Amino acid sequence: MKEPEMTDKELEISLELAKGGEVLAQRNLGHMYSIEGDYENAHYWLTEAGKQGDLESIYALAVLYKLGHGVPKNIEMSFTFLQIAATNGYPQAQQTLKEWEDAANNN
């Protein structure tokens, strides 16, 4: 497992900011926990950021649901989050959605 990229003090500050509603801190915690394999906390913080419209976090939630990391594997939920991020202009989600649609059309 990859070592956390934050010191204890940085983590403490990030948690304080995230709990206060700072979307960037929430997203960063979500990504950090995901890298560490702590998908429950990753899901929690990405959801908090996603509630505030953070498209990168919404896309990351799509990935968690597709893989079943921290949540039951759910392709429908994954697709829903992917559509939200893509529709609102997140380029990586738009590309992934196009790839999914192309794959579906080729089967």
PDB file of N, CA and C in Angstrom:
ATOM      1  N   MET A   1       0.831  -1.173   0.000  1.00  0.00           N
ATOM      2  CA  MET A   1       0.000   0.000   0.000  1.00  0.00           C
ATOM      3  C   MET A   1       0.886   1.251   0.000  1.00  0.00           C
ATOM      4  N   LYS A   2       0.492   2.243  -0.781  1.00  0.00           N
ATOM      5  CA  LYS A   2       1.259   3.474  -0.888  1.00  0.00           C
ATOM      6  C   LYS A   2       1.158   4.286   0.410  1.00  0.00           C
ATOM      7  N   GLU A   3       2.264   4.877   0.791  1.00  0.00           N
ATOM      8  CA  GLU A   3       2.280   5.705   1.997  1.00  0.00           C
ATOM      9  C   GLU A   3       1.476   6.986   1.779  1.00  0.00           C
ATOM     10  N   PRO A   4       0.819   7.487   2.832  1.00  0.00           N
ATOM     11  CA  PRO A   4       0.083   8.743   2.694  1.00  0.00           C
ATOM     12  C   PRO A   4       1.015   9.865   2.269  1.00  0.00           C
ATOM     13  N   GLU A   5       0.478  10.761   1.477  1.00  0.00           N
ATOM     14  CA  GLU A   5       1.278  11.879   0.995  1.00  0.00           C
ATOM     15  C   GLU A   5       1.190  13.083   1.916  1.00  0.00           C
ATOM     16  N   MET A   6       0.498  12.956   3.034  1.00  0.00           N
ATOM     17  CA  MET A   6       0.348  14.055   3.977  1.00  0.00           C
ATOM     18  C   MET A   6       1.024  13.698   5.294  1.00  0.00           C
ATOM     19  N   THR A   7       1.593  14.718   5.912  1.00  0.00           N
ATOM     20  CA  THR A   7       2.082  14.526   7.275  1.00  0.00           C
ATOM     21  C   THR A   7       0.869  14.496   8.203  1.00  0.00           C
ATOM     22  N   ASP A   8       1.089  14.090   9.448  1.00  0.00           N
ATOM     23  CA  ASP A   8      -0.019  14.074  10.414  1.00  0.00           C
ATOM     24  C   ASP A   8      -0.626  15.459  10.572  1.00  0.00           C
ATOM     25  N   LYS A   9       0.224  16.481  10.590  1.00  0.00           N
ATOM     26  CA  LYS A   9      -0.263  17.853  10.749  1.00  0.00           C
ATOM     27  C   LYS A   9      -1.075  18.280   9.528  1.00  0.00           C
ATOM     28  N   GLU A  10      -0.604  17.928   8.320  1.00  0.00           N
ATOM     29  CA  GLU A  10      -1.343  18.253   7.097  1.00  0.00           C
ATOM     30  C   GLU A  10      -2.687  17.542   7.071  1.00  0.00           C
ATOM     31  N   LEU A  11      -2.689  16.286   7.510  1.00  0.00           N
ATOM     32  CA  LEU A  11      -3.931  15.528   7.559  1.00  0.00           C
ATOM     33  C   LEU A  11      -4.903  16.175   8.546  1.00  0.00           C
ATOM     34  N   GLU A  12      -4.405  16.575   9.686  1.00  0.00           N
ATOM     35  CA  GLU A  12      -5.242  17.235  10.692  1.00  0.00           C
ATOM     36  C   GLU A  12      -5.866  18.512  10.124  1.00  0.00           C
ATOM     37  N   ILE A  13      -5.069  19.309   9.441  1.00  0.00           N
ATOM     38  CA  ILE A  13      -5.564  20.553   8.844  1.00  0.00           C
ATOM     39  C   ILE A  13      -6.579  20.249   7.746  1.00  0.00           C
ATOM     40  N   SER A  14      -6.265  19.258   6.905  1.00  0.00           N
ATOM     41  CA  SER A  14      -7.178  18.892   5.818  1.00  0.00           C
ATOM     42  C   SER A  14      -8.510  18.403   6.355  1.00  0.00           C
ATOM     43  N   LEU A  15      -8.463  17.586   7.394  1.00  0.00           N
ATOM     44  CA  LEU A  15      -9.710  17.102   7.997  1.00  0.00           C
ATOM     45  C   LEU A  15     -10.530  18.250   8.571  1.00  0.00           C
ATOM     46  N   GLU A  16      -9.860  19.192   9.212  1.00  0.00           N
ATOM     47  CA  GLU A  16     -10.556  20.348   9.774  1.00  0.00           C
ATOM     48  C   GLU A  16     -11.226  21.161   8.661  1.00  0.00           C
ATOM     49  N   LEU A  17     -10.482  21.412   7.576  1.00  0.00           N
ATOM     50  CA  LEU A  17     -11.040  22.166   6.449  1.00  0.00           C
ATOM     51  C   LEU A  17     -12.189  21.400   5.791  1.00  0.00           C
ATOM     52  N   ALA A  18     -11.993  20.091   5.594  1.00  0.00           N
ATOM     53  CA  ALA A  18     -13.020  19.267   4.952  1.00  0.00           C
ATOM     54  C   ALA A  18     -14.294  19.236   5.784  1.00  0.00           C
ATOM     55  N   LYS A  19     -14.142  19.082   7.084  1.00  0.00           N
ATOM     56  CA  LYS A  19     -15.313  19.072   7.963  1.00  0.00           C
ATOM     57  C   LYS A  19     -16.030  20.414   7.938  1.00  0.00           C
ATOM     58  N   GLY A  20     -15.278  21.479   7.643  1.00  0.00           N
ATOM     59  CA  GLY A  20     -15.864  22.813   7.530  1.00  0.00           C
ATOM     60  C   GLY A  20     -16.483  23.088   6.166  1.00  0.00           C
ATOM     61  N   GLY A  21     -16.412  22.096   5.265  1.00  0.00           N
ATOM     62  CA  GLY A  21     -17.061  22.241   3.973  1.00  0.00           C
ATOM     63  C   GLY A  21     -16.161  22.649   2.821  1.00  0.00           C
ATOM     64  N   GLU A  22     -14.848  22.708   3.044  1.00  0.00           N
ATOM     65  CA  GLU A  22     -13.911  23.088   1.982  1.00  0.00           C
ATOM     66  C   GLU A  22     -13.826  21.958   0.960  1.00  0.00           C
ATOM     67  N   VAL A  23     -14.351  22.217  -0.240  1.00  0.00           N
ATOM     68  CA  VAL A  23     -14.482  21.178  -1.251  1.00  0.00           C
ATOM     69  C   VAL A  23     -13.134  20.620  -1.710  1.00  0.00           C
ATOM     70  N   LEU A  24     -12.133  21.450  -1.866  1.00  0.00           N
ATOM     71  CA  LEU A  24     -10.825  20.955  -2.306  1.00  0.00           C
ATOM     72  C   LEU A  24     -10.221  20.016  -1.264  1.00  0.00           C
ATOM     73  N   ALA A  25     -10.373  20.353   0.004  1.00  0.00           N
ATOM     74  CA  ALA A  25      -9.883  19.471   1.073  1.00  0.00           C
ATOM     75  C   ALA A  25     -10.648  18.147   1.061  1.00  0.00           C
ATOM     76  N   GLN A  26     -11.950  18.215   0.830  1.00  0.00           N
ATOM     77  CA  GLN A  26     -12.756  16.995   0.764  1.00  0.00           C
ATOM     78  C   GLN A  26     -12.296  16.104  -0.387  1.00  0.00           C
ATOM     79  N   ARG A  27     -12.116  16.715  -1.567  1.00  0.00           N
ATOM     80  CA  ARG A  27     -11.671  15.945  -2.725  1.00  0.00           C
ATOM     81  C   ARG A  27     -10.294  15.345  -2.486  1.00  0.00           C
ATOM     82  N   ASN A  28      -9.376  16.145  -1.956  1.00  0.00           N
ATOM     83  CA  ASN A  28      -8.022  15.646  -1.710  1.00  0.00           C
ATOM     84  C   ASN A  28      -8.012  14.491  -0.711  1.00  0.00           C
ATOM     85  N   LEU A  29      -8.827  14.593   0.324  1.00  0.00           N
ATOM     86  CA  LEU A  29      -8.930  13.492   1.277  1.00  0.00           C
ATOM     87  C   LEU A  29      -9.503  12.248   0.601  1.00  0.00           C
ATOM     88  N   GLY A  30     -10.512  12.436  -0.226  1.00  0.00           N
ATOM     89  CA  GLY A  30     -11.091  11.323  -0.950  1.00  0.00           C
ATOM     90  C   GLY A  30     -10.056  10.612  -1.800  1.00  0.00           C
ATOM     91  N   HIS A  31      -9.259  11.383  -2.522  1.00  0.00           N
ATOM     92  CA  HIS A  31      -8.212  10.786  -3.354  1.00  0.00           C
ATOM     93  C   HIS A  31      -7.130  10.122  -2.500  1.00  0.00           C
ATOM     94  N   MET A  32      -6.744  10.764  -1.424  1.00  0.00           N
ATOM     95  CA  MET A  32      -5.705  10.201  -0.560  1.00  0.00           C
ATOM     96  C   MET A  32      -6.167   8.864   0.022  1.00  0.00           C
ATOM     97  N   TYR A  33      -7.395   8.849   0.547  1.00  0.00           N
ATOM     98  CA  TYR A  33      -7.905   7.605   1.131  1.00  0.00           C
ATOM     99  C   TYR A  33      -8.039   6.512   0.068  1.00  0.00           C
ATOM    100  N   SER A  34      -8.417   6.895  -1.130  1.00  0.00           N
ATOM    101  CA  SER A  34      -8.524   5.924  -2.215  1.00  0.00           C
ATOM    102  C   SER A  34      -7.167   5.309  -2.541  1.00  0.00           C
ATOM    103  N   ILE A  35      -6.150   6.132  -2.621  1.00  0.00           N
ATOM    104  CA  ILE A  35      -4.786   5.648  -2.883  1.00  0.00           C
ATOM    105  C   ILE A  35      -4.346   4.685  -1.790  1.00  0.00           C
ATOM    106  N   GLU A  36      -4.731   4.992  -0.554  1.00  0.00           N
ATOM    107  CA  GLU A  36      -4.359   4.144   0.581  1.00  0.00           C
ATOM    108  C   GLU A  36      -5.186   2.866   0.652  1.00  0.00           C
ATOM    109  N   GLY A  37      -6.240   2.788  -0.167  1.00  0.00           N
ATOM    110  CA  GLY A  37      -7.106   1.612  -0.122  1.00  0.00           C
ATOM    111  C   GLY A  37      -8.189   1.688   0.937  1.00  0.00           C
ATOM    112  N   ASP A  38      -8.360   2.856   1.558  1.00  0.00           N
ATOM    113  CA  ASP A  38      -9.419   3.072   2.547  1.00  0.00           C
ATOM    114  C   ASP A  38     -10.629   3.643   1.800  1.00  0.00           C
ATOM    115  N   TYR A  39     -11.343   2.738   1.122  1.00  0.00           N
ATOM    116  CA  TYR A  39     -12.398   3.184   0.220  1.00  0.00           C
ATOM    117  C   TYR A  39     -13.638   3.707   0.932  1.00  0.00           C
ATOM    118  N   GLU A  40     -13.867   3.281   2.169  1.00  0.00           N
ATOM    119  CA  GLU A  40     -15.009   3.834   2.917  1.00  0.00           C
ATOM    120  C   GLU A  40     -14.828   5.328   3.139  1.00  0.00           C
ATOM    121  N   ASN A  41     -13.641   5.713   3.634  1.00  0.00           N
ATOM    122  CA  ASN A  41     -13.378   7.136   3.835  1.00  0.00           C
ATOM    123  C   ASN A  41     -13.277   7.867   2.509  1.00  0.00           C
ATOM    124  N   ALA A  42     -12.736   7.218   1.491  1.00  0.00           N
ATOM    125  CA  ALA A  42     -12.671   7.834   0.159  1.00  0.00           C
ATOM    126  C   ALA A  42     -14.080   8.147  -0.324  1.00  0.00           C
ATOM    127  N   HIS A  43     -14.973   7.177  -0.216  1.00  0.00           N
ATOM    128  CA  HIS A  43     -16.356   7.375  -0.649  1.00  0.00           C
ATOM    129  C   HIS A  43     -17.005   8.522   0.128  1.00  0.00           C
ATOM    130  N   TYR A  44     -16.788   8.530   1.435  1.00  0.00           N
ATOM    131  CA  TYR A  44     -17.396   9.585   2.262  1.00  0.00           C
ATOM    132  C   TYR A  44     -16.974  10.976   1.788  1.00  0.00           C
ATOM    133  N   TRP A  45     -15.662  11.191   1.651  1.00  0.00           N
ATOM    134  CA  TRP A  45     -15.181  12.534   1.316  1.00  0.00           C
ATOM    135  C   TRP A  45     -15.471  12.909  -0.137  1.00  0.00           C
ATOM    136  N   LEU A  46     -15.417  11.956  -1.037  1.00  0.00           N
ATOM    137  CA  LEU A  46     -15.772  12.257  -2.426  1.00  0.00           C
ATOM    138  C   LEU A  46     -17.257  12.588  -2.540  1.00  0.00           C
ATOM    139  N   THR A  47     -18.079  11.912  -1.754  1.00  0.00           N
ATOM    140  CA  THR A  47     -19.513  12.217  -1.736  1.00  0.00           C
ATOM    141  C   THR A  47     -19.750  13.628  -1.211  1.00  0.00           C
ATOM    142  N   GLU A  48     -19.046  13.989  -0.143  1.00  0.00           N
ATOM    143  CA  GLU A  48     -19.207  15.344   0.411  1.00  0.00           C
ATOM    144  C   GLU A  48     -18.832  16.402  -0.630  1.00  0.00           C
ATOM    145  N   ALA A  49     -17.729  16.194  -1.329  1.00  0.00           N
ATOM    146  CA  ALA A  49     -17.310  17.140  -2.367  1.00  0.00           C
ATOM    147  C   ALA A  49     -18.283  17.108  -3.541  1.00  0.00           C
ATOM    148  N   GLY A  50     -18.750  15.908  -3.895  1.00  0.00           N
ATOM    149  CA  GLY A  50     -19.703  15.778  -4.989  1.00  0.00           C
ATOM    150  C   GLY A  50     -21.011  16.494  -4.717  1.00  0.00           C
ATOM    151  N   LYS A  51     -21.449  16.490  -3.464  1.00  0.00           N
ATOM    152  CA  LYS A  51     -22.675  17.211  -3.091  1.00  0.00           C
ATOM    153  C   LYS A  51     -22.560  18.700  -3.384  1.00  0.00           C
ATOM    154  N   GLN A  52     -21.325  19.192  -3.406  1.00  0.00           N
ATOM    155  CA  GLN A  52     -21.084  20.606  -3.689  1.00  0.00           C
ATOM    156  C   GLN A  52     -20.815  20.845  -5.181  1.00  0.00           C
ATOM    157  N   GLY A  53     -21.006  19.793  -5.980  1.00  0.00           N
ATOM    158  CA  GLY A  53     -20.870  19.934  -7.426  1.00  0.00           C
ATOM    159  C   GLY A  53     -19.466  19.753  -7.961  1.00  0.00           C
ATOM    160  N   ASP A  54     -18.574  19.202  -7.165  1.00  0.00           N
ATOM    161  CA  ASP A  54     -17.196  18.996  -7.622  1.00  0.00           C
ATOM    162  C   ASP A  54     -17.166  17.842  -8.620  1.00  0.00           C
ATOM    163  N   LEU A  55     -16.955  18.175  -9.888  1.00  0.00           N
ATOM    164  CA  LEU A  55     -17.053  17.188 -10.967  1.00  0.00           C
ATOM    165  C   LEU A  55     -15.976  16.118 -10.889  1.00  0.00           C
ATOM    166  N   GLU A  56     -14.786  16.471 -10.457  1.00  0.00           N
ATOM    167  CA  GLU A  56     -13.724  15.468 -10.318  1.00  0.00           C
ATOM    168  C   GLU A  56     -14.111  14.421  -9.279  1.00  0.00           C
ATOM    169  N   SER A  57     -14.734  14.867  -8.202  1.00  0.00           N
ATOM    170  CA  SER A  57     -15.183  13.939  -7.160  1.00  0.00           C
ATOM    171  C   SER A  57     -16.340  13.075  -7.647  1.00  0.00           C
ATOM    172  N   ILE A  58     -17.237  13.659  -8.411  1.00  0.00           N
ATOM    173  CA  ILE A  58     -18.355  12.896  -8.961  1.00  0.00           C
ATOM    174  C   ILE A  58     -17.827  11.819  -9.903  1.00  0.00           C
ATOM    175  N   TYR A  59     -16.851  12.170 -10.713  1.00  0.00           N
ATOM    176  CA  TYR A  59     -16.236  11.186 -11.603  1.00  0.00           C
ATOM    177  C   TYR A  59     -15.560  10.078 -10.785  1.00  0.00           C
ATOM    178  N   ALA A  60     -14.855  10.463  -9.713  1.00  0.00           N
ATOM    179  CA  ALA A  60     -14.188   9.471  -8.865  1.00  0.00           C
ATOM    180  C   ALA A  60     -15.210   8.530  -8.228  1.00  0.00           C
ATOM    181  N   LEU A  61     -16.378   9.052  -7.883  1.00  0.00           N
ATOM    182  CA  LEU A  61     -17.446   8.194  -7.349  1.00  0.00           C
ATOM    183  C   LEU A  61     -17.900   7.182  -8.399  1.00  0.00           C
ATOM    184  N   ALA A  62     -17.965   7.619  -9.649  1.00  0.00           N
ATOM    185  CA  ALA A  62     -18.319   6.690 -10.732  1.00  0.00           C
ATOM    186  C   ALA A  62     -17.337   5.527 -10.776  1.00  0.00           C
ATOM    187  N   VAL A  63     -16.065   5.836 -10.594  1.00  0.00           N
ATOM    188  CA  VAL A  63     -15.039   4.794 -10.615  1.00  0.00           C
ATOM    189  C   VAL A  63     -15.207   3.852  -9.419  1.00  0.00           C
ATOM    190  N   LEU A  64     -15.449   4.416  -8.230  1.00  0.00           N
ATOM    191  CA  LEU A  64     -15.630   3.570  -7.047  1.00  0.00           C
ATOM    192  C   LEU A  64     -16.797   2.600  -7.238  1.00  0.00           C
ATOM    193  N   TYR A  65     -17.907   3.094  -7.784  1.00  0.00           N
ATOM    194  CA  TYR A  65     -19.062   2.223  -7.999  1.00  0.00           C
ATOM    195  C   TYR A  65     -18.796   1.197  -9.098  1.00  0.00           C
ATOM    196  N   LYS A  66     -18.062   1.581 -10.120  1.00  0.00           N
ATOM    197  CA  LYS A  66     -17.748   0.628 -11.189  1.00  0.00           C
ATOM    198  C   LYS A  66     -16.906  -0.524 -10.656  1.00  0.00           C
ATOM    199  N   LEU A  67     -15.945  -0.208  -9.786  1.00  0.00           N
ATOM    200  CA  LEU A  67     -15.033  -1.211  -9.256  1.00  0.00           C
ATOM    201  C   LEU A  67     -15.532  -1.892  -7.983  1.00  0.00           C
ATOM    202  N   GLY A  68     -16.548  -1.296  -7.340  1.00  0.00           N
ATOM    203  CA  GLY A  68     -17.038  -1.842  -6.080  1.00  0.00           C
ATOM    204  C   GLY A  68     -16.086  -1.586  -4.930  1.00  0.00           C
ATOM    205  N   HIS A  69     -15.427  -0.443  -4.953  1.00  0.00           N
ATOM    206  CA  HIS A  69     -14.486  -0.077  -3.888  1.00  0.00           C
ATOM    207  C   HIS A  69     -15.195   0.792  -2.854  1.00  0.00           C
ATOM    208  N   GLY A  70     -15.385   0.248  -1.669  1.00  0.00           N
ATOM    209  CA  GLY A  70     -16.023   0.990  -0.580  1.00  0.00           C
ATOM    210  C   GLY A  70     -17.528   1.013  -0.655  1.00  0.00           C
ATOM    211  N   VAL A  71     -18.049   0.504  -1.750  1.00  0.00           N
ATOM    212  CA  VAL A  71     -19.489   0.438  -1.986  1.00  0.00           C
ATOM    213  C   VAL A  71     -19.755  -0.850  -2.765  1.00  0.00           C
ATOM    214  N   PRO A  72     -20.994  -1.339  -2.730  1.00  0.00           N
ATOM    215  CA  PRO A  72     -21.283  -2.494  -3.588  1.00  0.00           C
ATOM    216  C   PRO A  72     -21.100  -2.107  -5.059  1.00  0.00           C
ATOM    217  N   LYS A  73     -20.527  -3.017  -5.836  1.00  0.00           N
ATOM    218  CA  LYS A  73     -20.343  -2.759  -7.256  1.00  0.00           C
ATOM    219  C   LYS A  73     -21.704  -2.489  -7.876  1.00  0.00           C
ATOM    220  N   ASN A  74     -21.821  -1.360  -8.596  1.00  0.00           N
ATOM    221  CA  ASN A  74     -23.112  -0.966  -9.142  1.00  0.00           C
ATOM    222  C   ASN A  74     -22.873  -0.175 -10.425  1.00  0.00           C
ATOM    223  N   ILE A  75     -22.985  -0.851 -11.548  1.00  0.00           N
ATOM    224  CA  ILE A  75     -22.729  -0.216 -12.838  1.00  0.00           C
ATOM    225  C   ILE A  75     -23.739   0.894 -13.125  1.00  0.00           C
ATOM    226  N   GLU A  76     -24.982   0.715 -12.698  1.00  0.00           N
ATOM    227  CA  GLU A  76     -25.994   1.754 -12.931  1.00  0.00           C
ATOM    228  C   GLU A  76     -25.640   3.042 -12.188  1.00  0.00           C
ATOM    229  N   MET A  77     -25.218   2.904 -10.925  1.00  0.00           N
ATOM    230  CA  MET A  77     -24.799   4.097 -10.163  1.00  0.00           C
ATOM    231  C   MET A  77     -23.559   4.718 -10.798  1.00  0.00           C
ATOM    232  N   SER A  78     -22.635   3.873 -11.205  1.00  0.00           N
ATOM    233  CA  SER A  78     -21.433   4.364 -11.862  1.00  0.00           C
ATOM    234  C   SER A  78     -21.802   5.184 -13.093  1.00  0.00           C
ATOM    235  N   PHE A  79     -22.702   4.640 -13.905  1.00  0.00           N
ATOM    236  CA  PHE A  79     -23.127   5.323 -15.125  1.00  0.00           C
ATOM    237  C   PHE A  79     -23.816   6.643 -14.801  1.00  0.00           C
ATOM    238  N   THR A  80     -24.631   6.652 -13.755  1.00  0.00           N
ATOM    239  CA  THR A  80     -25.324   7.884 -13.350  1.00  0.00           C
ATOM    240  C   THR A  80     -24.318   8.968 -12.977  1.00  0.00           C
ATOM    241  N   PHE A  81     -23.341   8.626 -12.136  1.00  0.00           N
ATOM    242  CA  PHE A  81     -22.324   9.613 -11.756  1.00  0.00           C
ATOM    243  C   PHE A  81     -21.507  10.047 -12.971  1.00  0.00           C
ATOM    244  N   LEU A  82     -21.207   9.118 -13.844  1.00  0.00           N
ATOM    245  CA  LEU A  82     -20.459   9.428 -15.054  1.00  0.00           C
ATOM    246  C   LEU A  82     -21.231  10.412 -15.925  1.00  0.00           C
ATOM    247  N   GLN A  83     -22.523  10.186 -16.082  1.00  0.00           N
ATOM    248  CA  GLN A  83     -23.355  11.095 -16.868  1.00  0.00           C
ATOM    249  C   GLN A  83     -23.411  12.487 -16.256  1.00  0.00           C
ATOM    250  N   ILE A  84     -23.520  12.563 -14.942  1.00  0.00           N
ATOM    251  CA  ILE A  84     -23.572  13.868 -14.270  1.00  0.00           C
ATOM    252  C   ILE A  84     -22.287  14.646 -14.548  1.00  0.00           C
ATOM    253  N   ALA A  85     -21.151  13.985 -14.344  1.00  0.00           N
ATOM    254  CA  ALA A  85     -19.873  14.658 -14.564  1.00  0.00           C
ATOM    255  C   ALA A  85     -19.691  15.045 -16.028  1.00  0.00           C
ATOM    256  N   ALA A  86     -20.052  14.142 -16.939  1.00  0.00           N
ATOM    257  CA  ALA A  86     -19.891  14.406 -18.375  1.00  0.00           C
ATOM    258  C   ALA A  86     -20.799  15.543 -18.839  1.00  0.00           C
ATOM    259  N   THR A  87     -22.051  15.494 -18.421  1.00  0.00           N
ATOM    260  CA  THR A  87     -23.023  16.510 -18.820  1.00  0.00           C
ATOM    261  C   THR A  87     -22.606  17.901 -18.349  1.00  0.00           C
ATOM    262  N   ASN A  88     -21.922  17.936 -17.219  1.00  0.00           N
ATOM    263  CA  ASN A  88     -21.500  19.227 -16.666  1.00  0.00           C
ATOM    264  C   ASN A  88     -20.106  19.640 -17.110  1.00  0.00           C
ATOM    265  N   GLY A  89     -19.543  18.899 -18.067  1.00  0.00           N
ATOM    266  CA  GLY A  89     -18.321  19.357 -18.717  1.00  0.00           C
ATOM    267  C   GLY A  89     -17.016  18.780 -18.231  1.00  0.00           C
ATOM    268  N   TYR A  90     -17.028  17.718 -17.431  1.00  0.00           N
ATOM    269  CA  TYR A  90     -15.760  17.148 -16.966  1.00  0.00           C
ATOM    270  C   TYR A  90     -15.184  16.283 -18.085  1.00  0.00           C
ATOM    271  N   PRO A  91     -14.044  16.687 -18.680  1.00  0.00           N
ATOM    272  CA  PRO A  91     -13.520  16.028 -19.875  1.00  0.00           C
ATOM    273  C   PRO A  91     -13.251  14.533 -19.721  1.00  0.00           C
ATOM    274  N   GLN A  92     -12.695  14.118 -18.609  1.00  0.00           N
ATOM    275  CA  GLN A  92     -12.386  12.702 -18.425  1.00  0.00           C
ATOM    276  C   GLN A  92     -13.674  11.873 -18.397  1.00  0.00           C
ATOM    277  N   ALA A  93     -14.716  12.415 -17.799  1.00  0.00           N
ATOM    278  CA  ALA A  93     -16.003  11.725 -17.777  1.00  0.00           C
ATOM    279  C   ALA A  93     -16.600  11.667 -19.175  1.00  0.00           C
ATOM    280  N   GLN A  94     -16.461  12.749 -19.934  1.00  0.00           N
ATOM    281  CA  GLN A  94     -16.962  12.755 -21.304  1.00  0.00           C
ATOM    282  C   GLN A  94     -16.269  11.687 -22.141  1.00  0.00           C
ATOM    283  N   GLN A  95     -14.959  11.559 -21.981  1.00  0.00           N
ATOM    284  CA  GLN A  95     -14.201  10.560 -22.722  1.00  0.00           C
ATOM    285  C   GLN A  95     -14.613   9.146 -22.310  1.00  0.00           C
ATOM    286  N   THR A  96     -14.728   8.917 -21.012  1.00  0.00           N
ATOM    287  CA  THR A  96     -15.117   7.592 -20.525  1.00  0.00           C
ATOM    288  C   THR A  96     -16.522   7.232 -20.998  1.00  0.00           C
ATOM    289  N   LEU A  97     -17.429   8.188 -20.940  1.00  0.00           N
ATOM    290  CA  LEU A  97     -18.801   7.941 -21.391  1.00  0.00           C
ATOM    291  C   LEU A  97     -18.818   7.589 -22.877  1.00  0.00           C
ATOM    292  N   LYS A  98     -18.034   8.287 -23.667  1.00  0.00           N
ATOM    293  CA  LYS A  98     -17.936   7.994 -25.098  1.00  0.00           C
ATOM    294  C   LYS A  98     -17.404   6.579 -25.314  1.00  0.00           C
ATOM    295  N   GLU A  99     -16.393   6.195 -24.552  1.00  0.00           N
ATOM    296  CA  GLU A  99     -15.828   4.848 -24.667  1.00  0.00           C
ATOM    297  C   GLU A  99     -16.867   3.787 -24.310  1.00  0.00           C
ATOM    298  N   TRP A 100     -17.653   4.044 -23.250  1.00  0.00           N
ATOM    299  CA  TRP A 100     -18.705   3.099 -22.848  1.00  0.00           C
ATOM    300  C   TRP A 100     -19.745   2.969 -23.959  1.00  0.00           C
ATOM    301  N   GLU A 101     -20.160   4.125 -24.526  1.00  0.00           N
ATOM    302  CA  GLU A 101     -21.157   4.106 -25.574  1.00  0.00           C
ATOM    303  C   GLU A 101     -20.629   3.402 -26.824  1.00  0.00           C
ATOM    304  N   ASP A 102     -19.370   3.659 -27.167  1.00  0.00           N
ATOM    305  CA  ASP A 102     -18.767   2.991 -28.326  1.00  0.00           C
ATOM    306  C   ASP A 102     -18.712   1.479 -28.106  1.00  0.00           C
ATOM    307  N   ALA A 103     -18.342   1.056 -26.914  1.00  0.00           N
ATOM    308  CA  ALA A 103     -18.281  -0.372 -26.592  1.00  0.00           C
ATOM    309  C   ALA A 103     -19.664  -1.003 -26.667  1.00  0.00           C
ATOM    310  N   ALA A 104     -20.676  -0.294 -26.175  1.00  0.00           N
ATOM    311  CA  ALA A 104     -22.049  -0.817 -26.208  1.00  0.00           C
ATOM    312  C   ALA A 104     -22.545  -0.943 -27.647  1.00  0.00           C
ATOM    313  N   ASN A 105     -22.181   0.018 -28.484  1.00  0.00           N
ATOM    314  CA  ASN A 105     -22.630  -0.002 -29.872  1.00  0.00           C
ATOM    315  C   ASN A 105     -21.923  -1.071 -30.698  1.00  0.00           C
ATOM    316  N   ASN A 106     -20.750  -1.498 -30.260  1.00  0.00           N
ATOM    317  CA  ASN A 106     -19.983  -2.514 -30.985  1.00  0.00           C
ATOM    318  C   ASN A 106     -20.339  -3.928 -30.550  1.00  0.00           C
ATOM    319  N   ASN A 107     -21.199  -4.065 -29.555  1.00  0.00           N
ATOM    320  CA  ASN A 107     -21.588  -5.410 -29.079  1.00  0.00           C
ATOM    321  C   ASN A 107     -22.947  -5.800 -29.582  1.00  0.00           C
TER     322      ASN A 107
END
